Amino acid sequence: MSDQHADKRKAVALKYEGQGAPRVIAKGERYLAEQIIALARQAGVPIMQDPALVQLLSQVELDAEIPPELYQAVATLLAFVYRMEQKVSGSADKTADTPDTSPASAGPKS
């Protein structure tokens, strides 16, 4: 990874407890982003790279629920995470694809 790329590294951590919308529980750039990612790996939390979604989520205040405009993109992300967890436990189809969480899929449908 080049130093230029490392300077732009961002991370956002979400938590969903089954009620309401997911919340932003951590976010950061550069060193803090690396720490968030390292802690997630240590805890076995799935990590997904989606720079466009991270950019949008990084604008949400800490401990705030994600806005309705991001529900579709985050729902797609959560579905992917759940499929991956099932895949690891051996109870799901082994062909899970990376979801499309691009900003175009995050906006309201016409």
N, C-alpha and C. Protein backbone atom coordinates (compact mmCIF):
# COMPACT_ATOMS: atom_id res chain seq x y z
N MET A 1 0.85 -1.17 0.00
CA MET A 1 0.00 0.00 0.00
C MET A 1 0.90 1.23 0.00
N SER A 2 0.63 2.18 -0.86
CA SER A 2 1.44 3.40 -0.92
C SER A 2 1.06 4.34 0.22
N ASP A 3 1.99 5.26 0.53
CA ASP A 3 1.70 6.24 1.58
C ASP A 3 0.52 7.13 1.21
N GLN A 4 0.39 7.45 -0.09
CA GLN A 4 -0.75 8.26 -0.53
C GLN A 4 -2.05 7.55 -0.22
N HIS A 5 -2.12 6.25 -0.52
CA HIS A 5 -3.34 5.48 -0.28
C HIS A 5 -3.61 5.38 1.22
N ALA A 6 -2.56 5.17 2.01
CA ALA A 6 -2.73 5.03 3.46
C ALA A 6 -3.28 6.31 4.07
N ASP A 7 -2.88 7.48 3.53
CA ASP A 7 -3.37 8.74 4.06
C ASP A 7 -4.86 8.92 3.85
N LYS A 8 -5.44 8.22 2.90
CA LYS A 8 -6.86 8.36 2.59
C LYS A 8 -7.70 7.26 3.24
N ARG A 9 -7.09 6.36 4.00
CA ARG A 9 -7.81 5.24 4.58
C ARG A 9 -8.85 5.72 5.58
N LYS A 10 -10.07 5.21 5.45
CA LYS A 10 -11.16 5.53 6.36
C LYS A 10 -11.83 4.24 6.78
N ALA A 11 -12.44 4.26 7.96
CA ALA A 11 -13.21 3.11 8.43
C ALA A 11 -14.41 3.61 9.22
N VAL A 12 -15.49 2.86 9.11
CA VAL A 12 -16.70 3.13 9.87
C VAL A 12 -17.20 1.79 10.41
N ALA A 13 -17.54 1.76 11.69
CA ALA A 13 -18.08 0.55 12.31
C ALA A 13 -19.55 0.80 12.63
N LEU A 14 -20.37 -0.20 12.28
CA LEU A 14 -21.80 -0.13 12.54
C LEU A 14 -22.19 -1.18 13.56
N LYS A 15 -23.26 -0.90 14.30
CA LYS A 15 -23.82 -1.88 15.22
C LYS A 15 -25.32 -1.91 15.01
N TYR A 16 -25.86 -3.13 14.88
CA TYR A 16 -27.30 -3.28 14.72
C TYR A 16 -27.79 -4.25 15.78
N GLU A 17 -28.77 -3.82 16.56
CA GLU A 17 -29.27 -4.63 17.66
C GLU A 17 -30.67 -5.17 17.42
N GLY A 18 -31.15 -5.10 16.18
CA GLY A 18 -32.44 -5.67 15.85
C GLY A 18 -33.61 -4.71 15.95
N GLN A 19 -33.41 -3.56 16.55
CA GLN A 19 -34.47 -2.56 16.64
C GLN A 19 -33.92 -1.24 16.12
N GLY A 20 -34.78 -0.45 15.50
CA GLY A 20 -34.32 0.81 14.95
C GLY A 20 -33.37 0.56 13.79
N ALA A 21 -32.59 1.56 13.48
CA ALA A 21 -31.62 1.45 12.39
C ALA A 21 -30.23 1.18 12.98
N PRO A 22 -29.33 0.65 12.16
CA PRO A 22 -27.95 0.47 12.63
C PRO A 22 -27.37 1.83 13.05
N ARG A 23 -26.44 1.78 14.00
CA ARG A 23 -25.78 2.98 14.50
C ARG A 23 -24.31 2.99 14.12
N VAL A 24 -23.78 4.18 13.93
CA VAL A 24 -22.35 4.35 13.72
C VAL A 24 -21.70 4.36 15.11
N ILE A 25 -20.89 3.34 15.40
CA ILE A 25 -20.29 3.26 16.73
C ILE A 25 -18.81 3.64 16.74
N ALA A 26 -18.20 3.72 15.58
CA ALA A 26 -16.80 4.16 15.48
C ALA A 26 -16.56 4.63 14.06
N LYS A 27 -15.69 5.61 13.93
CA LYS A 27 -15.28 6.06 12.60
C LYS A 27 -13.96 6.80 12.74
N GLY A 28 -13.19 6.75 11.68
CA GLY A 28 -11.92 7.44 11.74
C GLY A 28 -11.17 7.37 10.43
N GLU A 29 -10.10 8.14 10.37
CA GLU A 29 -9.23 8.18 9.20
C GLU A 29 -7.81 7.80 9.63
N ARG A 30 -7.03 7.39 8.66
CA ARG A 30 -5.61 7.08 8.83
C ARG A 30 -5.37 6.12 9.99
N TYR A 31 -4.63 6.55 11.01
CA TYR A 31 -4.26 5.66 12.11
C TYR A 31 -5.50 5.13 12.83
N LEU A 32 -6.46 5.98 13.10
CA LEU A 32 -7.67 5.54 13.80
C LEU A 32 -8.42 4.51 12.96
N ALA A 33 -8.46 4.70 11.65
CA ALA A 33 -9.10 3.72 10.77
C ALA A 33 -8.39 2.37 10.87
N GLU A 34 -7.06 2.40 10.88
CA GLU A 34 -6.29 1.16 11.01
C GLU A 34 -6.60 0.46 12.34
N GLN A 35 -6.76 1.23 13.41
CA GLN A 35 -7.08 0.66 14.72
C GLN A 35 -8.48 0.05 14.73
N ILE A 36 -9.43 0.72 14.12
CA ILE A 36 -10.80 0.19 14.03
C ILE A 36 -10.78 -1.14 13.28
N ILE A 37 -10.06 -1.19 12.17
CA ILE A 37 -9.98 -2.41 11.37
C ILE A 37 -9.28 -3.52 12.16
N ALA A 38 -8.19 -3.19 12.84
CA ALA A 38 -7.45 -4.19 13.62
C ALA A 38 -8.33 -4.77 14.73
N LEU A 39 -9.06 -3.92 15.43
CA LEU A 39 -9.95 -4.40 16.50
C LEU A 39 -11.07 -5.27 15.93
N ALA A 40 -11.60 -4.88 14.79
CA ALA A 40 -12.65 -5.69 14.16
C ALA A 40 -12.11 -7.07 13.80
N ARG A 41 -10.91 -7.12 13.23
CA ARG A 41 -10.31 -8.41 12.88
C ARG A 41 -10.11 -9.27 14.13
N GLN A 42 -9.58 -8.67 15.19
CA GLN A 42 -9.36 -9.41 16.44
C GLN A 42 -10.66 -9.98 17.00
N ALA A 43 -11.74 -9.24 16.83
CA ALA A 43 -13.04 -9.66 17.37
C ALA A 43 -13.79 -10.57 16.41
N GLY A 44 -13.23 -10.81 15.23
CA GLY A 44 -13.91 -11.66 14.25
C GLY A 44 -15.06 -10.98 13.56
N VAL A 45 -15.08 -9.66 13.57
CA VAL A 45 -16.14 -8.90 12.91
C VAL A 45 -15.85 -8.86 11.41
N PRO A 46 -16.84 -9.17 10.58
CA PRO A 46 -16.62 -9.11 9.13
C PRO A 46 -16.25 -7.69 8.69
N ILE A 47 -15.33 -7.61 7.75
CA ILE A 47 -14.87 -6.33 7.22
C ILE A 47 -15.16 -6.31 5.74
N MET A 48 -15.76 -5.23 5.29
CA MET A 48 -16.06 -5.07 3.87
C MET A 48 -15.50 -3.75 3.39
N GLN A 49 -14.90 -3.76 2.23
CA GLN A 49 -14.36 -2.53 1.66
C GLN A 49 -15.35 -1.95 0.65
N ASP A 50 -15.82 -0.75 0.93
CA ASP A 50 -16.70 -0.03 0.02
C ASP A 50 -16.47 1.46 0.25
N PRO A 51 -15.47 2.03 -0.43
CA PRO A 51 -15.10 3.43 -0.19
C PRO A 51 -16.26 4.42 -0.32
N ALA A 52 -17.14 4.21 -1.27
CA ALA A 52 -18.26 5.14 -1.46
C ALA A 52 -19.20 5.10 -0.26
N LEU A 53 -19.51 3.90 0.23
CA LEU A 53 -20.39 3.78 1.39
C LEU A 53 -19.71 4.31 2.65
N VAL A 54 -18.43 4.04 2.81
CA VAL A 54 -17.69 4.57 3.96
C VAL A 54 -17.72 6.10 3.94
N GLN A 55 -17.55 6.68 2.77
CA GLN A 55 -17.59 8.14 2.66
C GLN A 55 -18.94 8.68 3.15
N LEU A 56 -20.03 8.04 2.75
CA LEU A 56 -21.36 8.48 3.18
C LEU A 56 -21.56 8.25 4.68
N LEU A 57 -21.17 7.08 5.16
CA LEU A 57 -21.36 6.76 6.58
C LEU A 57 -20.48 7.61 7.49
N SER A 58 -19.33 8.05 6.99
CA SER A 58 -18.44 8.86 7.82
C SER A 58 -19.03 10.23 8.13
N GLN A 59 -20.07 10.61 7.41
CA GLN A 59 -20.73 11.89 7.66
C GLN A 59 -21.79 11.79 8.76
N VAL A 60 -22.11 10.56 9.18
CA VAL A 60 -23.10 10.34 10.24
C VAL A 60 -22.40 10.55 11.59
N GLU A 61 -23.07 11.22 12.51
CA GLU A 61 -22.51 11.46 13.84
C GLU A 61 -22.32 10.14 14.58
N LEU A 62 -21.32 10.10 15.48
CA LEU A 62 -21.09 8.93 16.31
C LEU A 62 -22.32 8.64 17.16
N ASP A 63 -22.65 7.38 17.30
CA ASP A 63 -23.79 6.87 18.06
C ASP A 63 -25.14 7.27 17.49
N ALA A 64 -25.14 7.80 16.27
CA ALA A 64 -26.40 8.15 15.60
C ALA A 64 -26.82 7.01 14.68
N GLU A 65 -28.13 6.87 14.52
CA GLU A 65 -28.64 5.89 13.55
C GLU A 65 -28.32 6.37 12.15
N ILE A 66 -28.14 5.42 11.25
CA ILE A 66 -27.91 5.80 9.85
C ILE A 66 -29.18 6.45 9.31
N PRO A 67 -29.05 7.37 8.37
CA PRO A 67 -30.24 8.03 7.82
C PRO A 67 -30.99 7.11 6.85
N PRO A 68 -32.28 7.36 6.67
CA PRO A 68 -33.09 6.52 5.77
C PRO A 68 -32.51 6.39 4.36
N GLU A 69 -31.81 7.40 3.89
CA GLU A 69 -31.24 7.35 2.54
C GLU A 69 -30.22 6.22 2.39
N LEU A 70 -29.66 5.75 3.51
CA LEU A 70 -28.64 4.69 3.45
C LEU A 70 -29.18 3.32 3.85
N TYR A 71 -30.47 3.23 4.17
CA TYR A 71 -31.04 1.95 4.59
C TYR A 71 -30.79 0.84 3.58
N GLN A 72 -31.06 1.09 2.30
CA GLN A 72 -30.93 0.04 1.29
C GLN A 72 -29.49 -0.45 1.19
N ALA A 73 -28.54 0.47 1.14
CA ALA A 73 -27.14 0.08 1.02
C ALA A 73 -26.67 -0.69 2.25
N VAL A 74 -27.06 -0.24 3.43
CA VAL A 74 -26.64 -0.92 4.66
C VAL A 74 -27.37 -2.25 4.81
N ALA A 75 -28.63 -2.32 4.40
CA ALA A 75 -29.35 -3.60 4.44
C ALA A 75 -28.67 -4.62 3.54
N THR A 76 -28.22 -4.19 2.38
CA THR A 76 -27.50 -5.07 1.47
C THR A 76 -26.20 -5.53 2.12
N LEU A 77 -25.51 -4.62 2.78
CA LEU A 77 -24.28 -4.95 3.49
C LEU A 77 -24.54 -5.96 4.60
N LEU A 78 -25.57 -5.73 5.41
CA LEU A 78 -25.89 -6.65 6.50
C LEU A 78 -26.28 -8.02 5.98
N ALA A 79 -27.03 -8.06 4.88
CA ALA A 79 -27.39 -9.36 4.29
C ALA A 79 -26.13 -10.10 3.86
N PHE A 80 -25.18 -9.39 3.27
CA PHE A 80 -23.91 -9.99 2.87
C PHE A 80 -23.17 -10.54 4.09
N VAL A 81 -23.12 -9.76 5.17
CA VAL A 81 -22.45 -10.20 6.40
C VAL A 81 -23.11 -11.45 6.95
N TYR A 82 -24.44 -11.47 7.00
CA TYR A 82 -25.14 -12.64 7.51
C TYR A 82 -24.88 -13.87 6.65
N ARG A 83 -24.84 -13.67 5.31
CA ARG A 83 -24.53 -14.80 4.42
C ARG A 83 -23.12 -15.31 4.66
N MET A 84 -22.19 -14.40 4.87
CA MET A 84 -20.80 -14.80 5.11
C MET A 84 -20.68 -15.55 6.44
N GLU A 85 -21.41 -15.10 7.46
CA GLU A 85 -21.39 -15.80 8.75
C GLU A 85 -21.95 -17.21 8.60
N GLN A 86 -23.02 -17.36 7.82
CA GLN A 86 -23.58 -18.68 7.58
C GLN A 86 -22.61 -19.55 6.79
N LYS A 87 -21.94 -18.92 5.84
CA LYS A 87 -20.97 -19.64 5.01
C LYS A 87 -19.85 -20.19 5.89
N VAL A 88 -19.37 -19.39 6.82
CA VAL A 88 -18.30 -19.81 7.72
C VAL A 88 -18.78 -20.96 8.60
N SER A 89 -20.03 -20.90 9.03
CA SER A 89 -20.56 -21.97 9.88
C SER A 89 -20.97 -23.19 9.07
N GLY A 90 -20.88 -23.10 7.72
CA GLY A 90 -21.18 -24.24 6.87
C GLY A 90 -22.64 -24.45 6.57
N SER A 91 -23.48 -23.47 6.88
CA SER A 91 -24.92 -23.68 6.68
C SER A 91 -25.49 -22.89 5.51
N ALA A 92 -24.64 -22.33 4.67
CA ALA A 92 -25.16 -21.53 3.55
C ALA A 92 -24.51 -21.94 2.24
N ASP A 93 -25.11 -21.48 1.18
CA ASP A 93 -24.57 -21.66 -0.17
C ASP A 93 -23.18 -21.03 -0.22
N LYS A 94 -22.24 -21.70 -0.82
CA LYS A 94 -20.86 -21.23 -0.87
C LYS A 94 -20.62 -20.22 -1.98
N THR A 95 -21.66 -19.70 -2.62
CA THR A 95 -21.47 -18.80 -3.76
C THR A 95 -21.90 -17.37 -3.47
N ALA A 96 -21.82 -16.94 -2.22
CA ALA A 96 -22.22 -15.56 -1.88
C ALA A 96 -21.34 -14.57 -2.63
N ASP A 97 -21.99 -13.60 -3.27
CA ASP A 97 -21.28 -12.56 -4.01
C ASP A 97 -21.20 -11.30 -3.18
N THR A 98 -20.24 -10.46 -3.49
CA THR A 98 -20.13 -9.16 -2.85
C THR A 98 -21.32 -8.31 -3.29
N PRO A 99 -22.00 -7.67 -2.33
CA PRO A 99 -23.19 -6.89 -2.69
C PRO A 99 -22.83 -5.58 -3.36
N ASP A 100 -23.81 -5.03 -4.08
CA ASP A 100 -23.66 -3.71 -4.68
C ASP A 100 -24.17 -2.70 -3.67
N THR A 101 -23.25 -2.00 -3.01
CA THR A 101 -23.64 -0.98 -2.04
C THR A 101 -23.21 0.39 -2.52
N SER A 102 -23.10 0.54 -3.83
CA SER A 102 -22.68 1.82 -4.40
C SER A 102 -23.69 2.91 -4.06
N PRO A 103 -23.26 4.17 -4.09
CA PRO A 103 -24.20 5.26 -3.78
C PRO A 103 -25.46 5.22 -4.63
N ALA A 104 -25.36 4.75 -5.86
CA ALA A 104 -26.55 4.66 -6.71
C ALA A 104 -27.56 3.70 -6.09
N SER A 105 -27.08 2.64 -5.44
CA SER A 105 -28.01 1.70 -4.82
C SER A 105 -28.46 2.19 -3.45
N ALA A 106 -27.79 3.22 -2.92
CA ALA A 106 -28.13 3.72 -1.59
C ALA A 106 -29.26 4.73 -1.62
N GLY A 107 -29.50 5.34 -2.74
CA GLY A 107 -30.51 6.39 -2.82
C GLY A 107 -31.90 5.85 -2.93
N PRO A 108 -32.89 6.73 -2.80
CA PRO A 108 -34.28 6.30 -2.93
C PRO A 108 -34.58 5.81 -4.34
N LYS A 109 -35.41 4.81 -4.41
CA LYS A 109 -35.81 4.25 -5.70
C LYS A 109 -36.95 5.07 -6.28
N SER A 110 -36.90 5.34 -7.58
CA SER A 110 -37.96 6.12 -8.23
C SER A 110 -39.06 5.23 -8.71
